[in-house]
Amino acid sequence: MTAIASPKDRVWSRREIEGLIAEGRKIIIFDGRVIKADSWLPFHPGGEKAVLHMIGRDATDEIRALHSTEAQIFMQKFVIGRIEGRWANFLPPIQGGHFRPYLRGQEEHGKGDSQTEVASSSSSSSSPPESPIFDPADTPARHRSGVSSVSSLSDAESLTTSPDPIEAKLNAEEALDRLKYPSLDWASQDRIIAKYRELETRVRAAGLYDCSYGAYGIECCRYTFLFVSFLVALHYSHYALSAAFLGMLWHQLVFTVHDAGHIGITHNFHVDTCIGIFIADFVGGLSLGWWKRNHNVHHIVTNSPEHDPDVEYLPFFAITTRFFSSLRSTYYERVFHFDALSKWTIPVQHWLYYPILTFGRFNLYRLCWEYLLSGKAPKKGPAWWHRYLEMVGQVFFWTWFGYGVLYKSIPTAWDRFVFVMISHMITAPVHVQITLSHFAMSTNDLGVDESFAQKMLRTTMDVDCPTWLDFFHGGLQFQAVHHLFPRIPRHNLRKAQKYVKEFCAETGIPYVIYGFTDGNKEVIGRLEEVAKQVKVFEECRKACARELVEGHAHAH
């Protein structure tokens, strides 16, 4: 008897998959398998946004980087078939991709496309085979706000004659990225992908995914010292000193929450989640669930002004002139208007950078409450109960901190105000640390065929510091390493750094690292550079308005 083929063995063509996505199906390619994630989406503990950015793409490296082996095995339940040959990525719908419905027989009549064909519609941004002449300048289409335009040598030559200086500057930045980084042709990117996967195997074999519990023993001693110091100073009415110790405790605990959020401590989803919730919600008053939803998207679309919530700070900061066009955020699902307030703050943002970051924790409260109260947390699957535990944690936090410390232990309104401000503002180094590794890096979208590894290294930098100062930075100084391997515990990131440097040397991808002081100078320099462009933007806008008025006058 002839064996009946399993539905999971069905070979799907690129054109058929495009048709499925056109119908609203959530199709992802993972290790040559076609995953239909529609029923999985509500269960995803990290939120739906991260998944939506992978629709129509080969998400193998992203999935392996951000998920445990157990989670990857679980995903096999949603496999509906496989592909043959190299997959040419689509631009996901959430990023502006458009998809054509599929009618049976289209490919047989020559109306479809193949796995290696460059799709002619705007739904795809596939790269052609490597050009023997124009390398690396002959690169694939780029996407800015969902609109594609071919970048070539002629584009670079015409930059100086562009009538729009803002657009010319953006084109120049993109052209520089294309020259600095390996070509986006398939051969070059496939080599990088292969090398990255070899690197992951070496890192795993070196035991760098194993958590250093001895290091956490030292961490716990530090936490205990800060907590006891906070209580002793509070008992003896040294409120400012007590607040400083509490702020330092919160500052240090954030690093452990970061590990727990990436399932990097015990590697057990529920155990690490509970550790993270206990610290973030019960002790710190922040939401782990909000952070995971936000942070997972950040790891997928790092430094994308339209998509990455970690760079969307209008009206206070703009790290690229692209924000001048009032971008719509796919994460927040609203437009960040470059309004009157933005036109006042952005020209001085390099002066406001540190003062504003001292108030960062207050904004995190707002974001966390919005997440918990609006019902954005997963309602099904293994994480369904996390929101309720977090709500309990919020009540617990505001009971011990708001009532027990502020109301019962501090006698005057002024002392309470001072306590709140010091304890919250002293956590500013965390916000500086997070922005430091990204604000000065590339914000360009080089197209859907850029490999995961290259994109992470292009948009992220490391911060150099002596080993004895690692406790202060909490591992976040190795952001480039962390973005390549998010689930490596932070105490092992310094060990992984040498492997990443070797990988960069082999592939020709620049490894960007600055000292803490120089890194801050780079960020301030970027903010100042964008600030100066506001005046140019306003002049262009006024000139366009004058031309429009004069055009109407001549018409009449």
Protein backbone atom coordinates (compact mmCIF):
# COMPACT_ATOMS: atom_id res chain seq x y z
CA MET A 1 0.00 0.00 0.00
CA THR A 2 1.13 3.55 -0.71
CA ALA A 3 1.88 5.53 2.43
CA ILE A 4 -0.30 8.61 2.94
CA ALA A 5 1.82 11.74 3.05
CA SER A 6 1.59 13.83 6.20
CA PRO A 7 0.14 17.35 5.77
CA LYS A 8 3.34 18.57 7.41
CA ASP A 9 5.31 17.26 4.44
CA ARG A 10 3.40 19.33 1.91
CA VAL A 11 5.67 21.63 -0.11
CA TRP A 12 4.34 25.19 -0.27
CA SER A 13 5.36 27.57 -3.02
CA ARG A 14 6.19 31.19 -2.36
CA ARG A 15 3.12 32.27 -4.33
CA GLU A 16 0.81 30.02 -2.26
CA ILE A 17 2.24 31.40 0.98
CA GLU A 18 1.72 34.94 -0.28
CA GLY A 19 -1.91 34.01 -0.88
CA LEU A 20 -2.29 32.67 2.65
CA ILE A 21 -0.91 35.89 4.10
CA ALA A 22 -3.25 37.88 1.85
CA GLU A 23 -6.11 35.99 3.51
CA GLY A 24 -4.86 37.17 6.91
CA ARG A 25 -2.99 34.01 7.89
CA LYS A 26 0.07 34.43 10.12
CA ILE A 27 2.69 32.45 8.20
CA ILE A 28 6.30 32.18 9.40
CA ILE A 29 9.18 30.15 8.02
CA PHE A 30 11.19 28.34 10.69
CA ASP A 31 14.04 26.00 9.77
CA GLY A 32 12.50 25.21 6.38
CA ARG A 33 9.06 24.55 7.89
CA VAL A 34 5.93 26.58 7.28
CA ILE A 35 4.27 27.61 10.54
CA LYS A 36 0.69 28.91 10.65
CA ALA A 37 0.70 30.89 13.88
CA ASP A 38 -2.93 32.10 13.87
CA SER A 39 -4.09 29.97 16.80
CA TRP A 40 -0.75 30.40 18.57
CA LEU A 41 -0.79 34.21 18.53
CA PRO A 42 -3.07 34.71 21.59
CA PHE A 43 -0.92 32.26 23.56
CA HIS A 44 2.46 33.88 22.89
CA PRO A 45 3.83 34.96 26.30
CA GLY A 46 5.87 37.76 24.73
CA GLY A 47 2.87 39.38 23.06
CA GLU A 48 1.62 39.35 19.49
CA LYS A 49 3.67 42.26 18.10
CA ALA A 50 6.96 40.36 17.96
CA VAL A 51 5.28 37.55 16.00
CA LEU A 52 3.63 39.95 13.55
CA HIS A 53 7.03 41.36 12.57
CA MET A 54 8.06 37.87 11.39
CA ILE A 55 5.10 37.19 9.08
CA GLY A 56 6.31 36.13 5.64
CA ARG A 57 9.92 35.93 6.76
CA ASP A 58 12.42 33.20 7.52
CA ALA A 59 12.49 33.73 11.29
CA THR A 60 14.80 30.83 12.11
CA ASP A 61 17.56 32.86 13.75
CA GLU A 62 15.19 35.17 15.61
CA ILE A 63 13.20 32.24 17.00
CA ARG A 64 16.29 30.31 18.07
CA ALA A 65 17.81 33.39 19.72
CA LEU A 66 14.73 34.30 21.74
CA HIS A 67 13.19 30.90 22.53
CA SER A 68 14.21 27.84 24.48
CA THR A 69 14.53 24.42 22.88
CA GLU A 70 11.24 23.42 24.53
CA ALA A 71 9.45 26.40 22.98
CA GLN A 72 10.88 25.57 19.57
CA ILE A 73 9.62 22.00 19.86
CA PHE A 74 6.19 23.32 20.88
CA MET A 75 6.05 25.42 17.69
CA GLN A 76 6.19 22.23 15.60
CA LYS A 77 2.50 21.73 16.49
CA PHE A 78 1.67 24.58 14.13
CA VAL A 79 3.66 23.31 11.12
CA ILE A 80 1.52 22.97 7.97
CA GLY A 81 4.23 22.02 5.51
CA ARG A 82 7.66 22.95 4.27
CA ILE A 83 9.47 24.95 1.61
CA GLU A 84 12.16 23.97 -0.85
CA GLY A 85 15.19 26.08 -1.61
CA ARG A 86 16.15 29.45 -0.20
CA TRP A 87 13.31 31.58 1.11
CA ALA A 88 13.07 35.17 -0.15
CA ASN A 89 11.54 37.23 2.64
CA PHE A 90 8.36 39.25 2.30
CA LEU A 91 7.87 42.60 3.96
CA PRO A 92 5.47 41.77 6.86
CA PRO A 93 1.99 43.34 6.72
CA ILE A 94 2.59 45.20 9.98
CA GLN A 95 5.53 46.96 8.26
CA GLY A 96 3.51 47.91 5.18
CA GLY A 97 3.80 44.80 3.02
CA HIS A 98 0.98 44.14 0.51
CA PHE A 99 0.04 40.63 -0.58
CA ARG A 100 -1.82 39.30 -3.62
CA PRO A 101 -4.57 36.70 -3.25
CA TYR A 102 -3.67 33.34 -4.74
CA LEU A 103 -5.79 31.64 -7.35
CA ARG A 104 -5.15 27.95 -7.94
CA GLY A 105 -3.16 27.36 -11.08
CA GLN A 106 -1.52 30.77 -11.27
CA GLU A 107 1.99 29.36 -11.15
CA GLU A 108 1.24 26.76 -13.79
CA HIS A 109 0.23 29.56 -16.16
CA GLY A 110 3.33 31.62 -15.49
CA LYS A 111 1.69 34.19 -13.22
CA GLY A 112 3.42 33.17 -10.04
CA ASP A 113 6.97 33.33 -8.80
CA SER A 114 9.51 30.85 -7.48
CA GLN A 115 11.53 30.55 -4.29
CA THR A 116 14.51 32.27 -5.84
CA GLU A 117 12.69 34.82 -7.97
CA VAL A 118 12.63 38.47 -6.98
CA ALA A 119 8.95 39.35 -6.57
CA SER A 120 7.91 42.28 -8.72
CA SER A 121 5.10 43.39 -6.42
CA SER A 122 5.55 45.69 -3.46
CA SER A 123 4.83 42.80 -1.15
CA SER A 124 8.41 41.60 -1.42
CA SER A 125 11.87 43.03 -1.11
CA SER A 126 13.94 40.04 -2.21
CA SER A 127 17.56 40.41 -3.22
CA PRO A 128 18.89 39.38 -6.64
CA PRO A 129 21.90 37.09 -6.90
CA GLU A 130 25.23 38.69 -6.13
CA SER A 131 26.36 41.20 -8.76
CA PRO A 132 29.95 40.64 -9.97
CA ILE A 133 30.28 44.37 -10.77
CA PHE A 134 28.48 46.50 -8.20
CA ASP A 135 29.45 45.11 -4.82
CA PRO A 136 28.51 46.28 -2.25
CA ALA A 137 26.76 49.30 -3.76
CA ASP A 138 24.38 47.30 -5.97
CA THR A 139 22.03 46.41 -3.16
CA PRO A 140 18.35 45.51 -2.85
CA ALA A 141 15.37 47.77 -2.41
CA ARG A 142 15.05 49.62 0.84
CA HIS A 143 11.86 50.32 2.74
CA ARG A 144 11.17 53.58 4.49
CA SER A 145 7.70 53.78 5.98
CA GLY A 146 6.62 50.86 3.81
CA VAL A 147 7.63 52.46 0.48
CA SER A 148 10.41 50.88 -1.51
CA SER A 149 12.94 52.57 -3.74
CA VAL A 150 16.01 51.07 -5.35
CA SER A 151 19.32 52.21 -3.97
CA SER A 152 22.23 52.17 -6.39
CA LEU A 153 25.39 54.03 -7.31
CA SER A 154 23.34 56.61 -9.19
CA ASP A 155 21.42 57.35 -5.98
CA ALA A 156 24.61 58.03 -4.09
CA GLU A 157 25.87 60.29 -6.88
CA SER A 158 22.66 62.33 -6.83
CA LEU A 159 22.55 62.94 -3.09
CA THR A 160 24.09 66.37 -3.36
CA THR A 161 21.50 67.50 -5.90
CA SER A 162 18.44 66.36 -3.93
CA PRO A 163 16.00 69.23 -3.42
CA ASP A 164 15.21 68.01 0.09
CA PRO A 165 18.25 68.23 2.44
CA ILE A 166 16.57 66.05 5.08
CA GLU A 167 15.94 63.27 2.56
CA ALA A 168 19.44 63.74 1.18
CA LYS A 169 20.88 63.26 4.65
CA LEU A 170 18.87 60.08 5.20
CA ASN A 171 20.02 58.73 1.83
CA ALA A 172 23.63 59.56 2.68
CA GLU A 173 23.35 57.72 6.01
CA GLU A 174 21.91 54.67 4.28
CA ALA A 175 24.57 54.73 1.56
CA LEU A 176 27.25 54.86 4.25
CA ASP A 177 25.73 51.85 6.00
CA ARG A 178 25.75 49.91 2.75
CA LEU A 179 29.43 50.70 2.25
CA LYS A 180 30.44 49.91 5.84
CA TYR A 181 28.63 46.58 6.15
CA PRO A 182 28.73 43.41 4.02
CA SER A 183 26.69 43.33 0.83
CA LEU A 184 23.05 42.31 1.13
CA ASP A 185 23.23 39.86 -1.77
CA TRP A 186 22.14 36.34 -0.94
CA ALA A 187 25.62 34.80 -1.09
CA SER A 188 27.08 37.27 1.43
CA GLN A 189 24.13 37.09 3.81
CA ASP A 190 23.94 33.29 3.64
CA ARG A 191 27.60 33.15 4.61
CA ILE A 192 26.91 35.40 7.61
CA ILE A 193 23.93 33.27 8.62
CA ALA A 194 26.02 30.10 8.44
CA LYS A 195 28.83 31.67 10.47
CA TYR A 196 26.35 32.96 13.07
CA ARG A 197 24.88 29.49 13.53
CA GLU A 198 28.37 28.04 13.89
CA LEU A 199 29.06 30.73 16.49
CA GLU A 200 25.94 29.80 18.44
CA THR A 201 27.07 26.17 18.50
CA ARG A 202 30.51 27.19 19.83
CA VAL A 203 29.01 29.43 22.49
CA ARG A 204 26.66 26.69 23.65
CA ALA A 205 29.47 24.13 23.71
CA ALA A 206 31.49 26.51 25.89
CA GLY A 207 28.70 26.35 28.49
CA LEU A 208 27.88 30.04 28.29
CA TYR A 209 24.13 29.38 28.45
CA ASP A 210 24.61 27.91 31.93
CA CYS A 211 23.78 30.36 34.70
CA SER A 212 26.51 31.20 37.20
CA TYR A 213 24.65 30.74 40.48
CA GLY A 214 27.78 31.62 42.43
CA ALA A 215 27.70 35.06 40.81
CA TYR A 216 24.08 35.39 41.88
CA GLY A 217 25.14 34.54 45.42
CA ILE A 218 27.35 37.63 45.37
CA GLU A 219 24.48 39.61 43.86
CA CYS A 220 22.18 38.58 46.70
CA CYS A 221 24.73 39.79 49.25
CA ARG A 222 24.78 43.17 47.50
CA TYR A 223 20.98 43.31 47.44
CA THR A 224 20.79 42.45 51.12
CA PHE A 225 23.30 45.14 52.05
CA LEU A 226 21.39 47.81 50.12
CA PHE A 227 18.02 46.72 51.54
CA VAL A 228 19.24 46.67 55.14
CA SER A 229 20.96 50.03 54.65
CA PHE A 230 17.71 51.47 53.30
CA LEU A 231 15.79 50.26 56.38
CA VAL A 232 18.42 51.40 58.90
CA ALA A 233 18.70 54.88 57.39
CA LEU A 234 14.89 55.13 57.30
CA HIS A 235 14.67 54.06 60.95
CA TYR A 236 17.07 56.81 62.03
CA SER A 237 15.24 59.40 59.91
CA HIS A 238 18.04 59.86 57.36
CA TYR A 239 15.45 60.02 54.62
CA ALA A 240 17.66 61.22 51.76
CA LEU A 241 20.27 58.53 52.50
CA SER A 242 17.55 55.91 52.84
CA ALA A 243 16.10 56.93 49.48
CA ALA A 244 19.54 56.68 47.87
CA PHE A 245 19.99 53.11 49.12
CA LEU A 246 16.52 52.13 47.87
CA GLY A 247 17.24 53.67 44.47
CA MET A 248 20.52 51.78 44.23
CA LEU A 249 18.69 48.57 45.14
CA TRP A 250 16.15 49.13 42.36
CA HIS A 251 19.00 49.93 39.97
CA GLN A 252 20.75 46.65 40.72
CA LEU A 253 17.58 44.52 40.72
CA VAL A 254 16.75 45.60 37.16
CA PHE A 255 19.65 43.49 35.89
CA THR A 256 18.27 40.33 37.48
CA VAL A 257 14.81 41.08 36.10
CA HIS A 258 16.41 41.36 32.67
CA ASP A 259 17.92 37.88 33.02
CA ALA A 260 14.64 36.47 34.34
CA GLY A 261 12.67 38.04 31.49
CA HIS A 262 14.92 36.24 29.00
CA ILE A 263 14.53 32.95 30.93
CA GLY A 264 18.26 33.08 31.63
CA ILE A 265 18.43 32.14 35.32
CA THR A 266 16.88 28.68 35.82
CA HIS A 267 15.82 28.35 32.15
CA ASN A 268 12.39 27.31 33.40
CA PHE A 269 9.70 29.57 32.00
CA HIS A 270 7.44 29.67 35.06
CA VAL A 271 10.22 29.80 37.64
CA ASP A 272 12.10 32.63 35.92
CA THR A 273 8.85 34.49 35.26
CA CYS A 274 7.92 34.31 38.95
CA ILE A 275 11.40 35.56 39.91
CA GLY A 276 10.99 38.44 37.50
CA ILE A 277 7.48 39.32 38.68
CA PHE A 278 8.47 39.17 42.35
CA ILE A 279 11.33 41.62 41.77
CA ALA A 280 9.74 43.87 39.14
CA ASP A 281 6.19 44.11 40.49
CA PHE A 282 6.37 43.30 44.20
CA VAL A 283 9.67 45.09 44.93
CA GLY A 284 9.93 47.64 42.13
CA GLY A 285 6.36 48.53 41.18
CA LEU A 286 6.96 47.83 37.49
CA SER A 287 5.45 45.19 35.19
CA LEU A 288 7.50 42.29 33.88
CA GLY A 289 4.76 41.50 31.36
CA TRP A 290 4.92 45.02 29.92
CA TRP A 291 8.70 44.80 29.70
CA LYS A 292 8.62 41.46 27.86
CA ARG A 293 6.04 42.67 25.35
CA ASN A 294 8.09 45.80 24.71
CA HIS A 295 11.51 44.18 24.83
CA ASN A 296 10.76 41.28 22.49
CA VAL A 297 9.73 43.71 19.76
CA HIS A 298 12.90 45.72 20.44
CA HIS A 299 14.98 42.58 19.84
CA ILE A 300 13.24 41.92 16.50
CA VAL A 301 13.18 45.42 14.96
CA THR A 302 16.04 47.09 16.81
CA ASN A 303 16.38 50.83 16.22
CA SER A 304 13.58 51.01 13.67
CA PRO A 305 11.90 54.40 14.19
CA GLU A 306 8.53 53.09 12.98
CA HIS A 307 8.54 49.85 14.96
CA ASP A 308 10.95 49.81 17.94
CA PRO A 309 9.35 51.27 21.09
CA ASP A 310 12.79 51.73 22.66
CA VAL A 311 13.60 54.61 20.29
CA GLU A 312 10.15 56.21 20.14
CA TYR A 313 10.43 59.09 22.60
CA LEU A 314 8.84 62.08 20.88
CA PRO A 315 8.34 64.84 21.92
CA PHE A 316 11.47 64.54 24.08
CA PHE A 317 14.02 62.74 21.89
CA ALA A 318 14.49 62.07 18.18
CA ILE A 319 17.54 60.04 17.17
CA THR A 320 16.87 60.47 13.45
CA THR A 321 15.33 63.12 11.22
CA ARG A 322 12.79 60.51 10.14
CA PHE A 323 10.78 61.52 13.20
CA PHE A 324 10.26 64.93 11.61
CA SER A 325 7.68 63.35 9.29
CA SER A 326 5.34 62.42 12.17
CA LEU A 327 5.86 58.64 11.99
CA ARG A 328 3.16 56.16 12.89
CA SER A 329 4.32 53.63 15.48
CA THR A 330 3.22 50.07 14.77
CA TYR A 331 3.88 49.23 18.42
CA TYR A 332 1.82 52.01 20.01
CA GLU A 333 -0.57 52.12 17.03
CA ARG A 334 -0.59 55.89 16.93
CA VAL A 335 1.20 58.73 15.18
CA PHE A 336 4.10 60.44 16.89
CA HIS A 337 3.38 63.96 15.75
CA PHE A 338 6.27 66.34 15.28
CA ASP A 339 4.21 69.04 16.92
CA ALA A 340 4.89 72.41 18.54
CA LEU A 341 6.27 70.78 21.71
CA SER A 342 8.64 68.61 19.65
CA LYS A 343 9.85 71.66 17.74
CA TRP A 344 10.69 73.26 21.07
CA THR A 345 12.34 70.28 22.82
CA ILE A 346 14.22 68.52 19.98
CA PRO A 347 16.50 71.51 19.18
CA VAL A 348 17.80 71.29 22.78
CA GLN A 349 17.50 67.52 23.27
CA HIS A 350 21.25 67.10 23.78
CA TRP A 351 20.95 69.40 26.80
CA LEU A 352 17.80 67.68 28.06
CA TYR A 353 19.13 64.11 27.69
CA TYR A 354 20.37 63.52 31.24
CA PRO A 355 17.73 65.64 33.05
CA ILE A 356 14.87 63.83 31.29
CA LEU A 357 16.34 60.38 31.95
CA THR A 358 16.35 61.10 35.68
CA PHE A 359 12.55 61.03 35.46
CA GLY A 360 12.48 57.82 33.40
CA ARG A 361 11.07 55.63 36.15
CA PHE A 362 7.93 57.74 36.44
CA ASN A 363 7.21 57.13 32.76
CA LEU A 364 7.69 53.40 33.28
CA TYR A 365 4.92 53.43 35.89
CA ARG A 366 2.58 54.95 33.33
CA LEU A 367 3.46 52.40 30.65
CA CYS A 368 3.13 49.47 33.05
CA TRP A 369 -0.25 50.54 34.39
CA GLU A 370 -1.48 51.11 30.85
CA TYR A 371 -0.39 47.58 29.94
CA LEU A 372 -2.00 45.92 32.96
CA LEU A 373 -5.24 47.90 32.94
CA SER A 374 -5.86 47.80 29.18
CA GLY A 375 -5.79 44.01 29.00
CA LYS A 376 -2.85 43.72 26.61
CA ALA A 377 -1.41 40.78 28.55
CA PRO A 378 -1.90 37.25 27.13
CA LYS A 379 -5.29 35.87 28.13
CA LYS A 380 -4.60 32.28 27.09
CA GLY A 381 -1.75 29.81 27.21
CA PRO A 382 0.97 29.39 29.85
CA ALA A 383 1.10 33.12 30.69
CA TRP A 384 -2.65 33.69 31.26
CA TRP A 385 -2.25 34.06 35.03
CA HIS A 386 0.74 36.40 34.96
CA ARG A 387 -1.39 39.54 34.71
CA TYR A 388 -3.30 38.62 37.86
CA LEU A 389 -0.10 37.89 39.77
CA GLU A 390 1.28 41.21 38.59
CA MET A 391 -1.85 43.03 39.78
CA VAL A 392 -1.31 41.48 43.21
CA GLY A 393 2.30 42.60 43.03
CA GLN A 394 1.25 46.18 42.25
CA VAL A 395 -1.06 46.26 45.25
CA PHE A 396 1.71 44.82 47.42
CA PHE A 397 4.24 47.39 46.16
CA TRP A 398 2.07 50.42 46.75
CA THR A 399 1.11 49.05 50.16
CA TRP A 400 4.69 48.69 51.44
CA PHE A 401 6.16 51.64 49.55
CA GLY A 402 3.28 54.08 49.29
CA TYR A 403 1.63 53.40 52.63
CA GLY A 404 4.31 51.75 54.78
CA VAL A 405 7.30 53.88 53.78
CA LEU A 406 6.00 57.20 52.44
CA TYR A 407 2.90 57.67 54.58
CA LYS A 408 3.69 55.88 57.84
CA SER A 409 7.47 56.21 58.12
CA ILE A 410 8.12 59.74 56.79
CA PRO A 411 6.43 62.57 58.75
CA THR A 412 6.27 65.56 56.38
CA ALA A 413 5.13 66.15 52.82
CA TRP A 414 8.47 67.73 51.92
CA ASP A 415 10.46 64.75 53.20
CA ARG A 416 8.16 62.43 51.27
CA PHE A 417 8.72 64.43 48.10
CA VAL A 418 12.49 64.37 48.60
CA PHE A 419 12.42 60.63 49.28
CA VAL A 420 10.43 59.89 46.12
CA MET A 421 12.60 62.09 43.91
CA ILE A 422 15.94 60.78 45.17
CA SER A 423 14.91 57.11 45.14
CA HIS A 424 13.57 57.39 41.60
CA MET A 425 16.16 59.72 40.07
CA ILE A 426 19.11 57.68 41.30
CA THR A 427 18.02 54.89 38.94
CA ALA A 428 18.86 57.12 35.94
CA PRO A 429 22.08 55.18 35.06
CA VAL A 430 19.88 52.27 33.94
CA HIS A 431 18.10 54.49 31.43
CA VAL A 432 21.42 55.95 30.26
CA GLN A 433 22.82 52.43 29.88
CA ILE A 434 19.88 51.22 27.78
CA THR A 435 19.85 54.21 25.43
CA LEU A 436 23.65 54.38 25.22
CA SER A 437 23.93 51.16 23.22
CA HIS A 438 21.41 52.19 20.56
CA PHE A 439 20.91 55.96 20.23
CA ALA A 440 24.19 56.50 18.38
CA MET A 441 23.78 53.50 16.08
CA SER A 442 22.14 53.07 12.67
CA THR A 443 18.39 53.58 12.31
CA ASN A 444 18.26 52.65 8.62
CA ASP A 445 16.16 49.86 7.18
CA LEU A 446 18.37 48.06 4.68
CA GLY A 447 15.65 45.67 3.51
CA VAL A 448 14.16 42.35 4.53
CA ASP A 449 17.11 40.24 3.38
CA GLU A 450 19.59 41.59 5.91
CA SER A 451 20.54 38.75 8.23
CA PHE A 452 19.57 38.82 11.88
CA ALA A 453 23.20 38.86 13.04
CA GLN A 454 24.24 41.74 10.79
CA LYS A 455 21.22 43.85 11.75
CA MET A 456 21.84 43.36 15.47
CA LEU A 457 25.49 44.40 15.15
CA ARG A 458 24.62 47.36 12.92
CA THR A 459 22.11 48.78 15.38
CA THR A 460 23.81 47.97 18.70
CA MET A 461 27.14 48.81 20.31
CA ASP A 462 29.00 47.51 23.33
CA VAL A 463 30.45 49.63 26.11
CA ASP A 464 33.96 48.90 27.32
CA CYS A 465 34.64 48.91 31.05
CA PRO A 466 36.99 47.16 33.49
CA THR A 467 35.84 43.83 34.87
CA TRP A 468 35.53 45.17 38.41
CA LEU A 469 32.89 47.65 37.18
CA ASP A 470 30.65 45.00 35.62
CA PHE A 471 28.37 45.07 38.67
CA PHE A 472 27.48 48.71 37.98
CA HIS A 473 26.56 48.10 34.33
CA GLY A 474 24.90 44.78 35.13
CA GLY A 475 25.82 43.13 31.84
CA LEU A 476 23.91 45.71 29.83
CA GLN A 477 27.24 47.11 28.62
CA PHE A 478 27.48 44.04 26.36
CA GLN A 479 24.36 44.89 24.38
CA ALA A 480 25.77 43.79 21.01
CA VAL A 481 26.65 40.38 22.45
CA HIS A 482 23.30 40.24 24.23
CA HIS A 483 21.34 41.00 21.05
CA LEU A 484 23.05 38.12 19.28
CA PHE A 485 22.43 35.77 22.21
CA PRO A 486 19.58 37.16 24.37
CA ARG A 487 19.29 34.07 26.57
CA ILE A 488 22.92 33.97 27.71
CA PRO A 489 23.00 34.93 31.44
CA ARG A 490 24.58 38.34 31.90
CA HIS A 491 27.49 37.04 33.98
CA ASN A 492 28.68 35.12 30.90
CA LEU A 493 28.43 37.96 28.37
CA ARG A 494 32.03 39.09 28.89
CA LYS A 495 33.19 35.54 28.11
CA ALA A 496 31.02 35.49 24.98
CA GLN A 497 32.49 38.79 23.80
CA LYS A 498 35.67 37.20 22.43
CA TYR A 499 33.61 34.80 20.29
CA VAL A 500 31.62 37.72 18.86
CA LYS A 501 34.80 39.62 18.04
CA GLU A 502 36.10 36.58 16.13
CA PHE A 503 32.78 36.30 14.29
CA CYS A 504 32.94 39.96 13.27
CA ALA A 505 36.51 39.58 12.03
CA GLU A 506 35.53 36.55 9.92
CA THR A 507 32.42 38.12 8.39
CA GLY A 508 33.62 41.70 7.95
CA ILE A 509 30.84 43.14 10.14
CA PRO A 510 32.15 46.08 12.21
CA TYR A 511 32.08 45.44 15.95
CA VAL A 512 31.33 48.79 17.57
CA ILE A 513 32.59 49.34 21.12
CA TYR A 514 33.26 52.54 23.03
CA GLY A 515 34.32 53.39 26.54
CA PHE A 516 31.53 54.70 28.76
CA THR A 517 32.63 58.33 28.38
CA ASP A 518 33.19 58.10 24.63
CA GLY A 519 29.89 56.25 24.23
CA ASN A 520 28.09 59.08 25.98
CA LYS A 521 29.83 61.56 23.68
CA GLU A 522 28.59 59.60 20.66
CA VAL A 523 25.00 59.69 21.92
CA ILE A 524 25.11 63.39 22.75
CA GLY A 525 26.71 64.03 19.37
CA ARG A 526 23.90 62.17 17.58
CA LEU A 527 21.23 64.07 19.52
CA GLU A 528 22.93 67.39 18.76
CA GLU A 529 23.24 66.52 15.08
CA VAL A 530 19.51 65.77 14.81
CA ALA A 531 18.73 68.88 16.86
CA LYS A 532 20.49 71.09 14.31
CA GLN A 533 18.40 69.58 11.52
CA VAL A 534 15.16 70.94 13.01
CA LYS A 535 16.01 74.40 11.69
CA VAL A 536 16.71 72.95 8.23
CA PHE A 537 13.42 71.05 8.38
CA GLU A 538 11.48 74.20 9.27
CA GLU A 539 13.12 76.16 6.46
CA CYS A 540 12.23 73.40 3.98
CA ARG A 541 8.64 73.36 5.21
CA LYS A 542 8.31 77.14 4.86
CA ALA A 543 9.88 77.04 1.40
CA CYS A 544 7.41 74.38 0.29
CA ALA A 545 4.54 76.42 1.69
CA ARG A 546 5.73 79.51 -0.21
CA GLU A 547 6.01 77.54 -3.45
CA LEU A 548 2.48 76.19 -2.95
CA VAL A 549 1.08 79.68 -2.34
CA GLU A 550 2.96 81.16 -5.30
CA GLY A 551 1.81 78.29 -7.49
CA HIS A 552 -1.83 79.00 -6.62
CA ALA A 553 -1.29 82.71 -7.25
CA HIS A 554 0.17 82.07 -10.72
CA ALA A 555 -2.67 79.67 -11.51
CA HIS A 556 -5.19 82.43 -10.88
